[in-house]
Amino acid sequence: PPEVIGDMLTLARTSNLDVVHGVR
């Protein structure tokens, strides 16, 4: 789902992460 992209970006920026995996 493209709608998860916003959650990925927020997690990466707030937690200072270089990788955010989408896990099924």
mmCIF file of all heavy atoms, coordinates in Angstrom:
data_MODEL
# 
_entry.id   MODEL 
# 
loop_
_atom_site.group_PDB 
_atom_site.id 
_atom_site.type_symbol 
_atom_site.label_atom_id 
_atom_site.label_alt_id 
_atom_site.label_comp_id 
_atom_site.label_asym_id 
_atom_site.label_entity_id 
_atom_site.label_seq_id 
_atom_site.pdbx_PDB_ins_code 
_atom_site.Cartn_x 
_atom_site.Cartn_y 
_atom_site.Cartn_z 
_atom_site.occupancy 
_atom_site.B_iso_or_equiv 
_atom_site.pdbx_formal_charge 
_atom_site.auth_seq_id 
_atom_site.auth_comp_id 
_atom_site.auth_asym_id 
_atom_site.auth_atom_id 
_atom_site.pdbx_PDB_model_num 
ATOM 1   N N   . PRO A 1 1  ? 0.812  -1.220  0.000  1.00 0.00 ? 1  PRO A N   1 
ATOM 2   C CA  . PRO A 1 1  ? 0.000  0.000   0.000  1.00 0.00 ? 1  PRO A CA  1 
ATOM 3   C C   . PRO A 1 1  ? 0.846  1.272   0.000  1.00 0.00 ? 1  PRO A C   1 
ATOM 4   O O   . PRO A 1 1  ? 1.688  1.456   0.887  1.00 0.00 ? 1  PRO A O   1 
ATOM 5   C CB  . PRO A 1 1  ? -0.819 -0.123  1.292  1.00 0.00 ? 1  PRO A CB  1 
ATOM 6   C CG  . PRO A 1 1  ? -0.002 -1.000  2.174  1.00 0.00 ? 1  PRO A CG  1 
ATOM 7   C CD  . PRO A 1 1  ? 0.711  -1.956  1.278  1.00 0.00 ? 1  PRO A CD  1 
ATOM 8   N N   . PRO A 1 2  ? 0.630  2.177   -0.949 1.00 0.00 ? 2  PRO A N   1 
ATOM 9   C CA  . PRO A 1 2  ? 1.372  3.452   -0.952 1.00 0.00 ? 2  PRO A CA  1 
ATOM 10  C C   . PRO A 1 2  ? 1.112  4.292   0.295  1.00 0.00 ? 2  PRO A C   1 
ATOM 11  O O   . PRO A 1 2  ? 1.941  5.129   0.657  1.00 0.00 ? 2  PRO A O   1 
ATOM 12  C CB  . PRO A 1 2  ? 0.843  4.150   -2.211 1.00 0.00 ? 2  PRO A CB  1 
ATOM 13  C CG  . PRO A 1 2  ? 0.287  3.064   -3.067 1.00 0.00 ? 2  PRO A CG  1 
ATOM 14  C CD  . PRO A 1 2  ? -0.239 2.028   -2.128 1.00 0.00 ? 2  PRO A CD  1 
ATOM 15  N N   . GLU A 1 3  ? -0.029 4.093   0.940  1.00 0.00 ? 3  GLU A N   1 
ATOM 16  C CA  . GLU A 1 3  ? -0.356 4.884   2.126  1.00 0.00 ? 3  GLU A CA  1 
ATOM 17  C C   . GLU A 1 3  ? 0.636  4.686   3.264  1.00 0.00 ? 3  GLU A C   1 
ATOM 18  O O   . GLU A 1 3  ? 0.710  5.519   4.182  1.00 0.00 ? 3  GLU A O   1 
ATOM 19  C CB  . GLU A 1 3  ? -1.766 4.519   2.605  1.00 0.00 ? 3  GLU A CB  1 
ATOM 20  C CG  . GLU A 1 3  ? -2.882 4.937   1.663  1.00 0.00 ? 3  GLU A CG  1 
ATOM 21  C CD  . GLU A 1 3  ? -3.054 4.018   0.471  1.00 0.00 ? 3  GLU A CD  1 
ATOM 22  O OE1 . GLU A 1 3  ? -2.414 2.927   0.464  1.00 0.00 ? 3  GLU A OE1 1 
ATOM 23  O OE2 . GLU A 1 3  ? -3.813 4.362   -0.439 1.00 0.00 ? 3  GLU A OE2 1 
ATOM 24  N N   . VAL A 1 4  ? 1.422  3.615   3.230  1.00 0.00 ? 4  VAL A N   1 
ATOM 25  C CA  . VAL A 1 4  ? 2.397  3.331   4.287  1.00 0.00 ? 4  VAL A CA  1 
ATOM 26  C C   . VAL A 1 4  ? 3.653  4.198   4.128  1.00 0.00 ? 4  VAL A C   1 
ATOM 27  O O   . VAL A 1 4  ? 4.434  4.339   5.067  1.00 0.00 ? 4  VAL A O   1 
ATOM 28  C CB  . VAL A 1 4  ? 2.752  1.831   4.267  1.00 0.00 ? 4  VAL A CB  1 
ATOM 29  C CG1 . VAL A 1 4  ? 3.805  1.483   5.311  1.00 0.00 ? 4  VAL A CG1 1 
ATOM 30  C CG2 . VAL A 1 4  ? 1.511  0.994   4.511  1.00 0.00 ? 4  VAL A CG2 1 
ATOM 31  N N   . ILE A 1 5  ? 3.840  4.807   2.967  1.00 0.00 ? 5  ILE A N   1 
ATOM 32  C CA  . ILE A 1 5  ? 5.055  5.581   2.713  1.00 0.00 ? 5  ILE A CA  1 
ATOM 33  C C   . ILE A 1 5  ? 5.204  6.710   3.727  1.00 0.00 ? 5  ILE A C   1 
ATOM 34  O O   . ILE A 1 5  ? 6.305  6.990   4.219  1.00 0.00 ? 5  ILE A O   1 
ATOM 35  C CB  . ILE A 1 5  ? 5.044  6.130   1.274  1.00 0.00 ? 5  ILE A CB  1 
ATOM 36  C CG1 . ILE A 1 5  ? 5.193  4.976   0.278  1.00 0.00 ? 5  ILE A CG1 1 
ATOM 37  C CG2 . ILE A 1 5  ? 6.161  7.157   1.073  1.00 0.00 ? 5  ILE A CG2 1 
ATOM 38  C CD1 . ILE A 1 5  ? 5.103  5.399   -1.169 1.00 0.00 ? 5  ILE A CD1 1 
ATOM 39  N N   . GLY A 1 6  ? 4.098  7.375   4.060  1.00 0.00 ? 6  GLY A N   1 
ATOM 40  C CA  . GLY A 1 6  ? 4.166  8.445   5.049  1.00 0.00 ? 6  GLY A CA  1 
ATOM 41  C C   . GLY A 1 6  ? 4.651  7.956   6.401  1.00 0.00 ? 6  GLY A C   1 
ATOM 42  O O   . GLY A 1 6  ? 5.450  8.633   7.074  1.00 0.00 ? 6  GLY A O   1 
ATOM 43  N N   . ASP A 1 7  ? 4.194  6.775   6.813  1.00 0.00 ? 7  ASP A N   1 
ATOM 44  C CA  . ASP A 1 7  ? 4.646  6.193   8.089  1.00 0.00 ? 7  ASP A CA  1 
ATOM 45  C C   . ASP A 1 7  ? 6.139  5.871   8.037  1.00 0.00 ? 7  ASP A C   1 
ATOM 46  O O   . ASP A 1 7  ? 6.858  6.061   9.026  1.00 0.00 ? 7  ASP A O   1 
ATOM 47  C CB  . ASP A 1 7  ? 3.856  4.933   8.409  1.00 0.00 ? 7  ASP A CB  1 
ATOM 48  C CG  . ASP A 1 7  ? 2.361  5.210   8.585  1.00 0.00 ? 7  ASP A CG  1 
ATOM 49  O OD1 . ASP A 1 7  ? 2.032  6.350   8.955  1.00 0.00 ? 7  ASP A OD1 1 
ATOM 50  O OD2 . ASP A 1 7  ? 1.552  4.302   8.340  1.00 0.00 ? 7  ASP A OD2 1 
ATOM 51  N N   . MET A 1 8  ? 6.597  5.367   6.897  1.00 0.00 ? 8  MET A N   1 
ATOM 52  C CA  . MET A 1 8  ? 8.017  5.061   6.750  1.00 0.00 ? 8  MET A CA  1 
ATOM 53  C C   . MET A 1 8  ? 8.872  6.322   6.884  1.00 0.00 ? 8  MET A C   1 
ATOM 54  O O   . MET A 1 8  ? 9.894  6.335   7.595  1.00 0.00 ? 8  MET A O   1 
ATOM 55  C CB  . MET A 1 8  ? 8.280  4.412   5.382  1.00 0.00 ? 8  MET A CB  1 
ATOM 56  C CG  . MET A 1 8  ? 7.760  3.004   5.227  1.00 0.00 ? 8  MET A CG  1 
ATOM 57  S SD  . MET A 1 8  ? 8.121  2.382   3.559  1.00 0.00 ? 8  MET A SD  1 
ATOM 58  C CE  . MET A 1 8  ? 7.917  0.628   3.796  1.00 0.00 ? 8  MET A CE  1 
ATOM 59  N N   . LEU A 1 9  ? 8.452  7.370   6.205  1.00 0.00 ? 9  LEU A N   1 
ATOM 60  C CA  . LEU A 1 9  ? 9.217  8.617   6.225  1.00 0.00 ? 9  LEU A CA  1 
ATOM 61  C C   . LEU A 1 9  ? 9.227  9.219   7.623  1.00 0.00 ? 9  LEU A C   1 
ATOM 62  O O   . LEU A 1 9  ? 10.275 9.696   8.102  1.00 0.00 ? 9  LEU A O   1 
ATOM 63  C CB  . LEU A 1 9  ? 8.629  9.594   5.214  1.00 0.00 ? 9  LEU A CB  1 
ATOM 64  C CG  . LEU A 1 9  ? 9.383  10.911  5.012  1.00 0.00 ? 9  LEU A CG  1 
ATOM 65  C CD1 . LEU A 1 9  ? 10.811 10.660  4.549  1.00 0.00 ? 9  LEU A CD1 1 
ATOM 66  C CD2 . LEU A 1 9  ? 8.645  11.794  4.012  1.00 0.00 ? 9  LEU A CD2 1 
ATOM 67  N N   . THR A 1 10 ? 8.095  9.197   8.300  1.00 0.00 ? 10 THR A N   1 
ATOM 68  C CA  . THR A 1 10 ? 8.028  9.739   9.657  1.00 0.00 ? 10 THR A CA  1 
ATOM 69  C C   . THR A 1 10 ? 8.933  8.971   10.603 1.00 0.00 ? 10 THR A C   1 
ATOM 70  O O   . THR A 1 10 ? 9.667  9.556   11.413 1.00 0.00 ? 10 THR A O   1 
ATOM 71  C CB  . THR A 1 10 ? 6.577  9.694   10.164 1.00 0.00 ? 10 THR A CB  1 
ATOM 72  O OG1 . THR A 1 10 ? 5.752  10.495  9.315  1.00 0.00 ? 10 THR A OG1 1 
ATOM 73  C CG2 . THR A 1 10 ? 6.488  10.219  11.584 1.00 0.00 ? 10 THR A CG2 1 
ATOM 74  N N   . LEU A 1 11 ? 8.902  7.632   10.520 1.00 0.00 ? 11 LEU A N   1 
ATOM 75  C CA  . LEU A 1 11 ? 9.750  6.819   11.390 1.00 0.00 ? 11 LEU A CA  1 
ATOM 76  C C   . LEU A 1 11 ? 11.220 7.074   11.124 1.00 0.00 ? 11 LEU A C   1 
ATOM 77  O O   . LEU A 1 11 ? 12.029 7.174   12.060 1.00 0.00 ? 11 LEU A O   1 
ATOM 78  C CB  . LEU A 1 11 ? 9.414  5.337   11.180 1.00 0.00 ? 11 LEU A CB  1 
ATOM 79  C CG  . LEU A 1 11 ? 10.224 4.330   12.007 1.00 0.00 ? 11 LEU A CG  1 
ATOM 80  C CD1 . LEU A 1 11 ? 10.013 4.568   13.495 1.00 0.00 ? 11 LEU A CD1 1 
ATOM 81  C CD2 . LEU A 1 11 ? 9.851  2.898   11.630 1.00 0.00 ? 11 LEU A CD2 1 
ATOM 82  N N   . ALA A 1 12 ? 11.604 7.183   9.851  1.00 0.00 ? 12 ALA A N   1 
ATOM 83  C CA  . ALA A 1 12 ? 13.012 7.412   9.518  1.00 0.00 ? 12 ALA A CA  1 
ATOM 84  C C   . ALA A 1 12 ? 13.496 8.756   10.046 1.00 0.00 ? 12 ALA A C   1 
ATOM 85  O O   . ALA A 1 12 ? 14.624 8.867   10.556 1.00 0.00 ? 12 ALA A O   1 
ATOM 86  C CB  . ALA A 1 12 ? 13.200 7.336   8.002  1.00 0.00 ? 12 ALA A CB  1 
ATOM 87  N N   . ARG A 1 13 ? 12.659 9.782   9.947  1.00 0.00 ? 13 ARG A N   1 
ATOM 88  C CA  . ARG A 1 13 ? 13.081 11.127  10.361 1.00 0.00 ? 13 ARG A CA  1 
ATOM 89  C C   . ARG A 1 13 ? 13.069 11.286  11.877 1.00 0.00 ? 13 ARG A C   1 
ATOM 90  O O   . ARG A 1 13 ? 13.970 11.918  12.445 1.00 0.00 ? 13 ARG A O   1 
ATOM 91  C CB  . ARG A 1 13 ? 12.192 12.170  9.698  1.00 0.00 ? 13 ARG A CB  1 
ATOM 92  C CG  . ARG A 1 13 ? 12.264 12.125  8.172  1.00 0.00 ? 13 ARG A CG  1 
ATOM 93  C CD  . ARG A 1 13 ? 11.286 13.089  7.519  1.00 0.00 ? 13 ARG A CD  1 
ATOM 94  N NE  . ARG A 1 13 ? 11.770 14.461  7.555  1.00 0.00 ? 13 ARG A NE  1 
ATOM 95  C CZ  . ARG A 1 13 ? 11.116 15.491  7.034  1.00 0.00 ? 13 ARG A CZ  1 
ATOM 96  N NH1 . ARG A 1 13 ? 9.932  15.298  6.455  1.00 0.00 ? 13 ARG A NH1 1 
ATOM 97  N NH2 . ARG A 1 13 ? 11.621 16.707  7.089  1.00 0.00 ? 13 ARG A NH2 1 
ATOM 98  N N   . THR A 1 14 ? 12.071 10.743  12.549 1.00 0.00 ? 14 THR A N   1 
ATOM 99  C CA  . THR A 1 14 ? 11.987 10.912  13.997 1.00 0.00 ? 14 THR A CA  1 
ATOM 100 C C   . THR A 1 14 ? 12.986 10.028  14.746 1.00 0.00 ? 14 THR A C   1 
ATOM 101 O O   . THR A 1 14 ? 13.477 10.408  15.812 1.00 0.00 ? 14 THR A O   1 
ATOM 102 C CB  . THR A 1 14 ? 10.562 10.594  14.496 1.00 0.00 ? 14 THR A CB  1 
ATOM 103 O OG1 . THR A 1 14 ? 10.196 9.259   14.086 1.00 0.00 ? 14 THR A OG1 1 
ATOM 104 C CG2 . THR A 1 14 ? 9.563  11.589  13.907 1.00 0.00 ? 14 THR A CG2 1 
ATOM 105 N N   . SER A 1 15 ? 13.283 8.846   14.186 1.00 0.00 ? 15 SER A N   1 
ATOM 106 C CA  . SER A 1 15 ? 14.206 7.917   14.857 1.00 0.00 ? 15 SER A CA  1 
ATOM 107 C C   . SER A 1 15 ? 15.601 7.919   14.254 1.00 0.00 ? 15 SER A C   1 
ATOM 108 O O   . SER A 1 15 ? 16.447 7.104   14.643 1.00 0.00 ? 15 SER A O   1 
ATOM 109 C CB  . SER A 1 15 ? 13.629 6.493   14.810 1.00 0.00 ? 15 SER A CB  1 
ATOM 110 O OG  . SER A 1 15 ? 12.362 6.431   15.419 1.00 0.00 ? 15 SER A OG  1 
ATOM 111 N N   . ASN A 1 16 ? 15.830 8.792   13.278 1.00 0.00 ? 16 ASN A N   1 
ATOM 112 C CA  . ASN A 1 16 ? 17.145 8.910   12.631 1.00 0.00 ? 16 ASN A CA  1 
ATOM 113 C C   . ASN A 1 16 ? 17.614 7.565   12.082 1.00 0.00 ? 16 ASN A C   1 
ATOM 114 O O   . ASN A 1 16 ? 18.716 7.093   12.348 1.00 0.00 ? 16 ASN A O   1 
ATOM 115 C CB  . ASN A 1 16 ? 18.181 9.462   13.618 1.00 0.00 ? 16 ASN A CB  1 
ATOM 116 C CG  . ASN A 1 16 ? 19.440 9.954   12.915 1.00 0.00 ? 16 ASN A CG  1 
ATOM 117 O OD1 . ASN A 1 16 ? 19.396 10.347  11.740 1.00 0.00 ? 16 ASN A OD1 1 
ATOM 118 N ND2 . ASN A 1 16 ? 20.563 9.923   13.614 1.00 0.00 ? 16 ASN A ND2 1 
ATOM 119 N N   . LEU A 1 17 ? 16.744 6.938   11.277 1.00 0.00 ? 17 LEU A N   1 
ATOM 120 C CA  . LEU A 1 17 ? 17.033 5.636   10.694 1.00 0.00 ? 17 LEU A CA  1 
ATOM 121 C C   . LEU A 1 17 ? 17.448 5.791   9.237  1.00 0.00 ? 17 LEU A C   1 
ATOM 122 O O   . LEU A 1 17 ? 16.981 6.690   8.533  1.00 0.00 ? 17 LEU A O   1 
ATOM 123 C CB  . LEU A 1 17 ? 15.805 4.721   10.781 1.00 0.00 ? 17 LEU A CB  1 
ATOM 124 C CG  . LEU A 1 17 ? 15.261 4.426   12.174 1.00 0.00 ? 17 LEU A CG  1 
ATOM 125 C CD1 . LEU A 1 17 ? 14.002 3.579   12.083 1.00 0.00 ? 17 LEU A CD1 1 
ATOM 126 C CD2 . LEU A 1 17 ? 16.317 3.740   13.038 1.00 0.00 ? 17 LEU A CD2 1 
ATOM 127 N N   . ASP A 1 18 ? 18.311 4.891   8.775  1.00 0.00 ? 18 ASP A N   1 
ATOM 128 C CA  . ASP A 1 18 ? 18.725 4.878   7.371  1.00 0.00 ? 18 ASP A CA  1 
ATOM 129 C C   . ASP A 1 18 ? 17.902 3.914   6.531  1.00 0.00 ? 18 ASP A C   1 
ATOM 130 O O   . ASP A 1 18 ? 17.880 4.030   5.304  1.00 0.00 ? 18 ASP A O   1 
ATOM 131 C CB  . ASP A 1 18 ? 20.207 4.503   7.252  1.00 0.00 ? 18 ASP A CB  1 
ATOM 132 C CG  . ASP A 1 18 ? 21.118 5.618   7.726  1.00 0.00 ? 18 ASP A CG  1 
ATOM 133 O OD1 . ASP A 1 18 ? 21.002 6.736   7.209  1.00 0.00 ? 18 ASP A OD1 1 
ATOM 134 O OD2 . ASP A 1 18 ? 21.929 5.364   8.643  1.00 0.00 ? 18 ASP A OD2 1 
ATOM 135 N N   . VAL A 1 19 ? 17.260 2.954   7.180  1.00 0.00 ? 19 VAL A N   1 
ATOM 136 C CA  . VAL A 1 19 ? 16.471 1.949   6.468  1.00 0.00 ? 19 VAL A CA  1 
ATOM 137 C C   . VAL A 1 19 ? 15.172 1.711   7.235  1.00 0.00 ? 19 VAL A C   1 
ATOM 138 O O   . VAL A 1 19 ? 15.198 1.562   8.461  1.00 0.00 ? 19 VAL A O   1 
ATOM 139 C CB  . VAL A 1 19 ? 17.237 0.613   6.325  1.00 0.00 ? 19 VAL A CB  1 
ATOM 140 C CG1 . VAL A 1 19 ? 16.393 -0.408  5.566  1.00 0.00 ? 19 VAL A CG1 1 
ATOM 141 C CG2 . VAL A 1 19 ? 18.579 0.822   5.647  1.00 0.00 ? 19 VAL A CG2 1 
ATOM 142 N N   . VAL A 1 20 ? 14.065 1.686   6.503  1.00 0.00 ? 20 VAL A N   1 
ATOM 143 C CA  . VAL A 1 20 ? 12.783 1.290   7.089  1.00 0.00 ? 20 VAL A CA  1 
ATOM 144 C C   . VAL A 1 20 ? 12.185 0.225   6.170  1.00 0.00 ? 20 VAL A C   1 
ATOM 145 O O   . VAL A 1 20 ? 11.871 0.496   5.006  1.00 0.00 ? 20 VAL A O   1 
ATOM 146 C CB  . VAL A 1 20 ? 11.806 2.469   7.227  1.00 0.00 ? 20 VAL A CB  1 
ATOM 147 C CG1 . VAL A 1 20 ? 10.474 1.980   7.787  1.00 0.00 ? 20 VAL A CG1 1 
ATOM 148 C CG2 . VAL A 1 20 ? 12.397 3.543   8.132  1.00 0.00 ? 20 VAL A CG2 1 
ATOM 149 N N   . HIS A 1 21 ? 12.055 -0.984  6.682  1.00 0.00 ? 21 HIS A N   1 
ATOM 150 C CA  . HIS A 1 21 ? 11.509 -2.096  5.911  1.00 0.00 ? 21 HIS A CA  1 
ATOM 151 C C   . HIS A 1 21 ? 9.992  -2.132  6.037  1.00 0.00 ? 21 HIS A C   1 
ATOM 152 O O   . HIS A 1 21 ? 9.450  -1.960  7.137  1.00 0.00 ? 21 HIS A O   1 
ATOM 153 C CB  . HIS A 1 21 ? 12.063 -3.437  6.410  1.00 0.00 ? 21 HIS A CB  1 
ATOM 154 C CG  . HIS A 1 21 ? 13.539 -3.569  6.302  1.00 0.00 ? 21 HIS A CG  1 
ATOM 155 N ND1 . HIS A 1 21 ? 14.171 -3.884  5.114  1.00 0.00 ? 21 HIS A ND1 1 
ATOM 156 C CD2 . HIS A 1 21 ? 14.528 -3.434  7.235  1.00 0.00 ? 21 HIS A CD2 1 
ATOM 157 C CE1 . HIS A 1 21 ? 15.477 -3.946  5.315  1.00 0.00 ? 21 HIS A CE1 1 
ATOM 158 N NE2 . HIS A 1 21 ? 15.720 -3.686  6.576  1.00 0.00 ? 21 HIS A NE2 1 
ATOM 159 N N   . GLY A 1 22 ? 9.327  -2.371  4.929  1.00 0.00 ? 22 GLY A N   1 
ATOM 160 C CA  . GLY A 1 22 ? 7.914  -2.708  4.979  1.00 0.00 ? 22 GLY A CA  1 
ATOM 161 C C   . GLY A 1 22 ? 7.776  -4.207  5.192  1.00 0.00 ? 22 GLY A C   1 
ATOM 162 O O   . GLY A 1 22 ? 8.251  -5.008  4.377  1.00 0.00 ? 22 GLY A O   1 
ATOM 163 N N   . VAL A 1 23 ? 7.158  -4.604  6.289  1.00 0.00 ? 23 VAL A N   1 
ATOM 164 C CA  . VAL A 1 23 ? 7.068  -6.012  6.675  1.00 0.00 ? 23 VAL A CA  1 
ATOM 165 C C   . VAL A 1 23 ? 5.619  -6.478  6.541  1.00 0.00 ? 23 VAL A C   1 
ATOM 166 O O   . VAL A 1 23 ? 4.705  -5.855  7.099  1.00 0.00 ? 23 VAL A O   1 
ATOM 167 C CB  . VAL A 1 23 ? 7.569  -6.233  8.113  1.00 0.00 ? 23 VAL A CB  1 
ATOM 168 C CG1 . VAL A 1 23 ? 7.397  -7.692  8.513  1.00 0.00 ? 23 VAL A CG1 1 
ATOM 169 C CG2 . VAL A 1 23 ? 9.028  -5.819  8.229  1.00 0.00 ? 23 VAL A CG2 1 
ATOM 170 N N   . ARG A 1 24 ? 5.420  -7.567  5.826  1.00 0.00 ? 24 ARG A N   1 
ATOM 171 C CA  . ARG A 1 24 ? 4.080  -8.103  5.584  1.00 0.00 ? 24 ARG A CA  1 
ATOM 172 C C   . ARG A 1 24 ? 3.648  -8.947  6.780  1.00 0.00 ? 24 ARG A C   1 
ATOM 173 O O   . ARG A 1 24 ? 4.140  -10.050 6.968  1.00 0.00 ? 24 ARG A O   1 
ATOM 174 C CB  . ARG A 1 24 ? 4.082  -8.946  4.308  1.00 0.00 ? 24 ARG A CB  1 
ATOM 175 C CG  . ARG A 1 24 ? 4.637  -8.205  3.095  1.00 0.00 ? 24 ARG A CG  1 
ATOM 176 C CD  . ARG A 1 24 ? 5.197  -9.173  2.083  1.00 0.00 ? 24 ARG A CD  1 
ATOM 177 N NE  . ARG A 1 24 ? 5.770  -8.497  0.928  1.00 0.00 ? 24 ARG A NE  1 
ATOM 178 C CZ  . ARG A 1 24 ? 6.527  -9.093  0.014  1.00 0.00 ? 24 ARG A CZ  1 
ATOM 179 N NH1 . ARG A 1 24 ? 6.815  -10.380 0.135  1.00 0.00 ? 24 ARG A NH1 1 
ATOM 180 N NH2 . ARG A 1 24 ? 7.004  -8.410  -1.012 1.00 0.00 ? 24 ARG A NH2 1 
# 
